[in-house]
Amino acid sequence: MSDKIVPTGASTYLRLLKYVRRYWLAFVVSIFGLVLHSFAEVAFVDLLGYITDTVGTLTSAGAAETQPVAMPQTGMTAMFAEALLGDLLVEKTWLVIPFFLVVISVLRGVGYLIGSYGLAYVSNYLVHALRVDIFEKYLQLPFEFFDRSMSGHLVSVVTFNVQQVTQASTKALKTLLQQGSLVLGLMSYLFYVNWKLTLFFLAVMPFVALVVSVVSKRFRTISTRIQSAMGDVTHVTQEVVNGYQEVRMFGGMESERERIQLASQSNRRQNMKMALTEGISNPLVMLLVSLAFAGITSFMLSPAILETMSTGSFITFLVASGMLIKPIRQIT
């Protein structure tokens, strides 16, 4: 007797991607929207540094009314401002800063709308396609297959498993694309601001990857058990509903109560294991990242580092490194 082959997460995703190819245009557009949303997040951090440097320049100038003061030249916002608006004086930032605030907010909103709606479009069509294909497969399978299979499990595959697998895969894909692109954008920006400080985060990444690997395997195991337990619940319920007369005539109510108790308890236990695993893994990942963030903050306050960074660069580095904690936690 051959052992049952359990598909890995990668093989499952590859099989689902075959269905996604039918809706590749909506999928590509949704990716573009999610990346645009992440780009706007990074742009807002840079704009914050630009505002800080501008306020600092105005404060230190003292006699700004009679003495021309140049705009800040550090950061991507300063480069875009100079390219789009020319060599403006710092007194005219009343036009520059609100302009970029509005543009970034619009890009962020449009990107989120395109990304979320596009993935929802693909996800719902994916559920529809899988259900139709599985149902078509049921129509062609031999009698022996149905004789040795529990009807509740077969029904649960179409009504529950397809929905759960697709939603989980789509949610994971959305998180990977949106938060992954945000992590890449923030890391690139941190290298742009100060590459030496960024190495602190890279030092902790192997430990985070180890935790993610262990947790992912645990999640897959528990998810399989949850689907099996849900199939048992469906099977027992369907048998009682379809054969309620036989159950009452032959006094089978007590045995059916025990069966549904066992099946439902099994499903409850697996869900609690899932909740416990998630509750332990997320704080552990956040602790590792927070330790790296604390080390960076301590190192940044040294005089040698402060001399090489403007006030705006200092603030943006702190904000960007702090923003990394949430997407890293969500990716895990």
Protein backbone atom coordinates (compact mmCIF):
# COMPACT_ATOMS: atom_id res chain seq x y z
CA MET A 1 0.00 0.00 0.00
CA SER A 2 1.53 3.30 -1.05
CA ASP A 3 1.75 6.20 1.34
CA LYS A 4 -0.49 9.16 0.81
CA ILE A 5 1.36 12.04 -0.76
CA VAL A 6 0.75 15.35 1.04
CA PRO A 7 1.29 18.31 -1.28
CA THR A 8 3.58 21.06 -0.09
CA GLY A 9 2.65 24.73 0.06
CA ALA A 10 4.72 25.49 -3.03
CA SER A 11 3.10 22.74 -5.11
CA THR A 12 -0.37 23.90 -4.03
CA TYR A 13 0.40 27.46 -5.09
CA LEU A 14 1.73 26.28 -8.44
CA ARG A 15 -1.47 24.34 -9.10
CA LEU A 16 -3.59 27.35 -8.18
CA LEU A 17 -1.49 29.59 -10.43
CA LYS A 18 -2.59 27.45 -13.39
CA TYR A 19 -6.11 28.72 -12.76
CA VAL A 20 -4.88 32.27 -12.22
CA ARG A 21 -3.45 32.26 -15.76
CA ARG A 22 -7.00 32.56 -17.07
CA TYR A 23 -7.28 35.94 -15.35
CA TRP A 24 -3.68 37.06 -15.74
CA LEU A 25 -4.55 40.63 -16.72
CA ALA A 26 -6.56 41.30 -13.55
CA PHE A 27 -3.81 39.60 -11.55
CA VAL A 28 -1.07 41.79 -13.05
CA VAL A 29 -3.14 44.95 -12.53
CA SER A 30 -3.72 44.01 -8.88
CA ILE A 31 0.02 43.50 -8.38
CA PHE A 32 0.64 46.95 -9.85
CA GLY A 33 -1.90 48.45 -7.44
CA LEU A 34 -0.35 46.81 -4.39
CA VAL A 35 3.16 47.91 -5.39
CA LEU A 36 1.88 51.45 -6.01
CA HIS A 37 0.35 51.47 -2.52
CA SER A 38 3.68 50.41 -0.99
CA PHE A 39 5.57 53.03 -3.02
CA ALA A 40 3.26 55.73 -1.66
CA GLU A 41 3.98 54.56 1.89
CA VAL A 42 7.73 54.96 1.36
CA ALA A 43 7.21 58.31 -0.37
CA PHE A 44 5.28 59.60 2.64
CA VAL A 45 8.19 58.71 4.95
CA ASP A 46 10.58 60.63 2.70
CA LEU A 47 8.18 63.58 2.63
CA LEU A 48 8.19 63.58 6.44
CA GLY A 49 11.97 64.00 6.38
CA TYR A 50 11.66 66.79 3.82
CA ILE A 51 9.17 68.62 6.05
CA THR A 52 11.48 68.21 9.07
CA ASP A 53 14.49 69.61 7.20
CA THR A 54 12.41 72.48 5.85
CA VAL A 55 11.16 73.46 9.30
CA GLY A 56 14.71 73.20 10.65
CA THR A 57 16.04 75.40 7.85
CA LEU A 58 13.39 78.04 8.43
CA THR A 59 14.03 78.01 12.17
CA SER A 60 17.81 78.33 11.85
CA ALA A 61 17.67 80.97 9.13
CA GLY A 62 16.32 83.60 11.50
CA ALA A 63 16.21 86.37 8.91
CA ALA A 64 14.38 84.45 6.21
CA GLU A 65 12.46 87.54 5.09
CA THR A 66 15.58 89.32 3.91
CA GLN A 67 17.94 86.45 3.27
CA PRO A 68 17.19 83.83 0.55
CA VAL A 69 17.36 80.33 1.89
CA ALA A 70 17.78 77.29 -0.36
CA MET A 71 15.38 74.38 -0.15
CA PRO A 72 16.59 71.12 1.45
CA GLN A 73 18.52 68.96 -0.99
CA THR A 74 18.39 65.61 0.82
CA GLY A 75 15.82 62.92 0.06
CA MET A 76 13.80 61.89 -2.97
CA THR A 77 11.13 64.53 -2.32
CA ALA A 78 13.71 67.29 -2.68
CA MET A 79 14.83 65.87 -6.04
CA PHE A 80 11.26 65.63 -7.33
CA ALA A 81 10.48 69.13 -6.07
CA GLU A 82 13.47 70.59 -7.86
CA ALA A 83 12.70 68.70 -11.07
CA LEU A 84 9.00 69.61 -11.15
CA LEU A 85 8.94 73.07 -9.60
CA GLY A 86 12.37 74.48 -10.35
CA ASP A 87 14.69 76.33 -7.99
CA LEU A 88 12.10 77.60 -5.51
CA LEU A 89 13.00 79.30 -2.27
CA VAL A 90 12.18 77.63 1.01
CA GLU A 91 9.52 80.26 1.72
CA LYS A 92 7.44 78.76 -1.11
CA THR A 93 7.20 75.33 0.45
CA TRP A 94 3.58 76.20 1.27
CA LEU A 95 2.99 75.05 -2.31
CA VAL A 96 5.45 72.14 -2.50
CA ILE A 97 4.54 70.23 0.67
CA PRO A 98 0.72 70.27 0.26
CA PHE A 99 1.13 69.29 -3.39
CA PHE A 100 3.12 66.17 -2.54
CA LEU A 101 0.80 65.32 0.37
CA VAL A 102 -2.20 65.26 -1.96
CA VAL A 103 -0.37 63.33 -4.69
CA ILE A 104 0.89 60.67 -2.26
CA SER A 105 -2.56 60.27 -0.67
CA VAL A 106 -4.20 59.85 -4.08
CA LEU A 107 -1.60 57.30 -5.22
CA ARG A 108 -1.98 55.38 -1.98
CA GLY A 109 -5.76 55.23 -2.25
CA VAL A 110 -5.79 54.31 -5.94
CA GLY A 111 -3.18 51.61 -5.41
CA TYR A 112 -5.11 50.05 -2.54
CA LEU A 113 -8.37 50.07 -4.52
CA ILE A 114 -6.81 48.49 -7.61
CA GLY A 115 -4.88 45.89 -5.62
CA SER A 116 -7.72 44.82 -3.32
CA TYR A 117 -10.44 44.72 -5.97
CA GLY A 118 -8.20 42.98 -8.50
CA LEU A 119 -7.28 40.17 -6.11
CA ALA A 120 -10.91 39.81 -4.98
CA TYR A 121 -11.91 39.51 -8.64
CA VAL A 122 -9.34 36.77 -9.25
CA SER A 123 -10.17 35.00 -5.97
CA ASN A 124 -13.91 34.74 -6.63
CA TYR A 125 -13.39 33.49 -10.17
CA LEU A 126 -10.87 30.99 -8.81
CA VAL A 127 -13.42 29.61 -6.34
CA HIS A 128 -15.98 29.33 -9.13
CA ALA A 129 -13.55 27.55 -11.47
CA LEU A 130 -12.39 25.09 -8.82
CA ARG A 131 -15.94 24.19 -7.79
CA VAL A 132 -17.01 23.61 -11.37
CA ASP A 133 -13.94 21.47 -12.11
CA ILE A 134 -14.35 19.38 -8.95
CA PHE A 135 -18.04 18.87 -9.65
CA GLU A 136 -17.21 17.80 -13.20
CA LYS A 137 -14.68 15.35 -11.77
CA TYR A 138 -17.33 13.89 -9.47
CA LEU A 139 -19.57 13.25 -12.47
CA GLN A 140 -16.85 11.17 -14.14
CA LEU A 141 -15.45 9.20 -11.18
CA PRO A 142 -16.28 5.46 -10.95
CA PHE A 143 -18.78 4.02 -8.51
CA GLU A 144 -15.99 2.46 -6.43
CA PHE A 145 -14.68 5.90 -5.49
CA PHE A 146 -18.00 6.95 -3.97
CA ASP A 147 -18.42 3.58 -2.24
CA ARG A 148 -15.17 3.96 -0.31
CA SER A 149 -15.53 7.73 0.34
CA MET A 150 -17.66 9.51 2.90
CA SER A 151 -20.26 11.69 1.25
CA GLY A 152 -19.81 14.44 3.84
CA HIS A 153 -16.14 14.79 2.95
CA LEU A 154 -16.94 14.96 -0.76
CA VAL A 155 -19.55 17.65 -0.18
CA SER A 156 -17.21 19.55 2.15
CA VAL A 157 -14.53 19.71 -0.54
CA VAL A 158 -16.86 21.72 -2.79
CA THR A 159 -18.68 23.79 -0.18
CA PHE A 160 -15.91 24.44 2.38
CA ASN A 161 -12.41 23.34 1.39
CA VAL A 162 -12.35 25.19 -1.93
CA GLN A 163 -13.46 28.43 -0.28
CA GLN A 164 -10.99 28.08 2.59
CA VAL A 165 -7.98 27.16 0.46
CA THR A 166 -8.67 29.91 -2.08
CA GLN A 167 -9.28 32.60 0.51
CA ALA A 168 -6.21 31.59 2.50
CA SER A 169 -4.06 31.51 -0.63
CA THR A 170 -5.37 34.86 -1.86
CA LYS A 171 -4.92 36.46 1.54
CA ALA A 172 -1.40 35.08 1.79
CA LEU A 173 -0.61 36.27 -1.74
CA LYS A 174 -2.00 39.75 -1.04
CA THR A 175 0.03 39.98 2.15
CA LEU A 176 3.15 38.73 0.39
CA LEU A 177 2.82 41.21 -2.48
CA GLN A 178 1.66 44.26 -0.54
CA GLN A 179 3.71 43.87 2.62
CA GLY A 180 6.62 42.24 0.77
CA SER A 181 6.91 45.16 -1.64
CA LEU A 182 6.65 47.53 1.34
CA VAL A 183 9.48 45.71 3.11
CA LEU A 184 11.64 45.84 -0.03
CA GLY A 185 10.82 49.52 -0.51
CA LEU A 186 11.58 50.43 3.09
CA MET A 187 14.79 48.39 3.12
CA SER A 188 15.94 50.04 -0.12
CA TYR A 189 15.12 53.43 1.35
CA LEU A 190 17.03 52.63 4.54
CA PHE A 191 20.07 51.68 2.46
CA TYR A 192 19.64 54.97 0.62
CA VAL A 193 19.61 56.95 3.88
CA ASN A 194 22.34 55.04 5.75
CA TRP A 195 23.52 51.62 4.63
CA LYS A 196 25.58 50.93 7.76
CA LEU A 197 22.60 51.17 10.08
CA THR A 198 20.53 49.00 7.76
CA LEU A 199 22.90 46.07 8.30
CA PHE A 200 21.47 45.72 11.82
CA PHE A 201 18.16 44.61 10.35
CA LEU A 202 19.82 42.19 7.96
CA ALA A 203 21.61 40.55 10.88
CA VAL A 204 18.33 39.48 12.49
CA MET A 205 16.64 38.27 9.30
CA PRO A 206 17.98 34.65 9.45
CA PHE A 207 16.36 34.19 12.88
CA VAL A 208 13.06 35.57 11.59
CA ALA A 209 13.24 33.25 8.57
CA LEU A 210 13.76 30.24 10.86
CA VAL A 211 10.69 31.10 12.93
CA VAL A 212 8.64 31.63 9.76
CA SER A 213 9.68 28.25 8.36
CA VAL A 214 8.70 26.36 11.52
CA VAL A 215 5.39 28.20 11.89
CA SER A 216 4.46 27.70 8.22
CA LYS A 217 4.88 23.92 8.49
CA ARG A 218 2.78 23.91 11.64
CA PHE A 219 0.04 25.97 9.98
CA ARG A 220 -0.15 23.60 7.00
CA THR A 221 -0.46 20.55 9.26
CA ILE A 222 -3.21 22.09 11.38
CA SER A 223 -5.08 23.42 8.33
CA THR A 224 -5.22 19.90 6.87
CA ARG A 225 -6.61 18.56 10.15
CA ILE A 226 -9.22 21.35 10.29
CA GLN A 227 -10.45 20.50 6.79
CA SER A 228 -10.67 16.81 7.69
CA ALA A 229 -12.55 17.55 10.92
CA MET A 230 -14.95 19.83 9.07
CA GLY A 231 -15.57 17.03 6.60
CA ASP A 232 -16.49 14.73 9.51
CA VAL A 233 -18.95 17.31 10.85
CA THR A 234 -20.54 17.67 7.42
CA HIS A 235 -20.70 13.89 6.94
CA VAL A 236 -22.37 13.19 10.29
CA THR A 237 -24.85 16.04 9.86
CA GLN A 238 -25.73 14.95 6.33
CA GLU A 239 -26.32 11.35 7.42
CA VAL A 240 -28.69 12.45 10.20
CA VAL A 241 -30.59 14.86 7.95
CA ASN A 242 -30.96 12.36 5.12
CA GLY A 243 -31.73 9.38 7.36
CA TYR A 244 -33.59 11.01 10.22
CA GLN A 245 -36.37 8.40 10.04
CA GLU A 246 -33.94 5.48 10.42
CA VAL A 247 -32.11 7.24 13.26
CA ARG A 248 -35.31 7.66 15.26
CA MET A 249 -36.79 4.26 14.39
CA PHE A 250 -33.70 2.28 15.43
CA GLY A 251 -32.73 4.44 18.42
CA GLY A 252 -29.57 5.85 16.92
CA MET A 253 -29.89 9.32 18.39
CA GLU A 254 -27.41 8.77 21.21
CA SER A 255 -24.71 7.36 18.93
CA GLU A 256 -25.19 10.23 16.50
CA ARG A 257 -24.86 12.70 19.36
CA GLU A 258 -21.55 11.11 20.31
CA ARG A 259 -20.33 11.22 16.70
CA ILE A 260 -21.13 14.91 16.24
CA GLN A 261 -19.58 15.68 19.64
CA LEU A 262 -16.33 13.97 18.66
CA ALA A 263 -16.22 15.57 15.21
CA SER A 264 -17.03 19.06 16.48
CA GLN A 265 -14.59 18.77 19.38
CA SER A 266 -11.84 17.71 16.98
CA ASN A 267 -12.54 20.75 14.81
CA ARG A 268 -12.53 23.02 17.87
CA ARG A 269 -9.21 21.64 19.14
CA GLN A 270 -7.50 22.12 15.80
CA ASN A 271 -8.74 25.71 15.58
CA MET A 272 -7.43 26.40 19.07
CA LYS A 273 -4.05 24.93 18.12
CA MET A 274 -4.01 27.27 15.13
CA ALA A 275 -4.80 30.24 17.38
CA LEU A 276 -2.08 29.23 19.87
CA THR A 277 0.54 28.85 17.15
CA GLU A 278 -0.33 32.25 15.71
CA GLY A 279 -0.37 33.84 19.17
CA ILE A 280 3.15 32.57 19.93
CA SER A 281 4.76 33.19 16.54
CA ASN A 282 3.72 36.83 16.03
CA PRO A 283 5.11 38.17 19.34
CA LEU A 284 8.30 36.17 18.84
CA VAL A 285 8.90 37.70 15.41
CA MET A 286 8.07 41.17 16.74
CA LEU A 287 10.54 40.67 19.60
CA LEU A 288 13.36 39.81 17.20
CA VAL A 289 12.64 42.82 15.00
CA SER A 290 12.21 45.11 18.02
CA LEU A 291 15.63 44.07 19.34
CA ALA A 292 17.17 45.07 16.03
CA PHE A 293 15.23 48.34 16.10
CA ALA A 294 16.45 49.07 19.65
CA GLY A 295 20.05 48.44 18.59
CA ILE A 296 19.68 50.77 15.62
CA THR A 297 18.19 53.54 17.78
CA SER A 298 21.03 53.26 20.29
CA PHE A 299 23.67 53.33 17.55
CA MET A 300 22.03 56.29 15.79
CA LEU A 301 22.34 58.46 18.91
CA SER A 302 26.14 58.25 18.84
CA PRO A 303 27.85 61.55 17.83
CA ALA A 304 29.66 59.90 14.90
CA ILE A 305 26.35 58.95 13.25
CA LEU A 306 24.55 62.19 14.11
CA GLU A 307 27.25 64.20 12.33
CA THR A 308 26.60 62.41 9.03
CA MET A 309 22.80 62.72 9.03
CA SER A 310 20.45 65.67 8.86
CA THR A 311 17.52 65.97 11.24
CA GLY A 312 15.14 64.88 8.48
CA SER A 313 17.27 61.84 7.62
CA PHE A 314 17.41 60.88 11.29
CA ILE A 315 13.62 61.08 11.64
CA THR A 316 12.90 59.23 8.39
CA PHE A 317 15.30 56.42 9.30
CA LEU A 318 13.60 55.94 12.66
CA VAL A 319 10.13 56.03 11.12
CA ALA A 320 11.04 53.71 8.22
CA SER A 321 12.74 51.16 10.48
CA GLY A 322 9.76 51.27 12.85
CA MET A 323 7.36 50.74 9.95
CA LEU A 324 9.17 47.51 9.08
CA ILE A 325 7.85 45.74 12.17
CA LYS A 326 4.21 45.55 11.05
CA PRO A 327 4.75 44.22 7.48
CA ILE A 328 7.32 41.68 8.67
CA ARG A 329 4.86 40.45 11.30
CA GLN A 330 2.05 40.20 8.74
CA ILE A 331 4.24 38.33 6.26
CA THR A 332 5.01 35.74 8.92
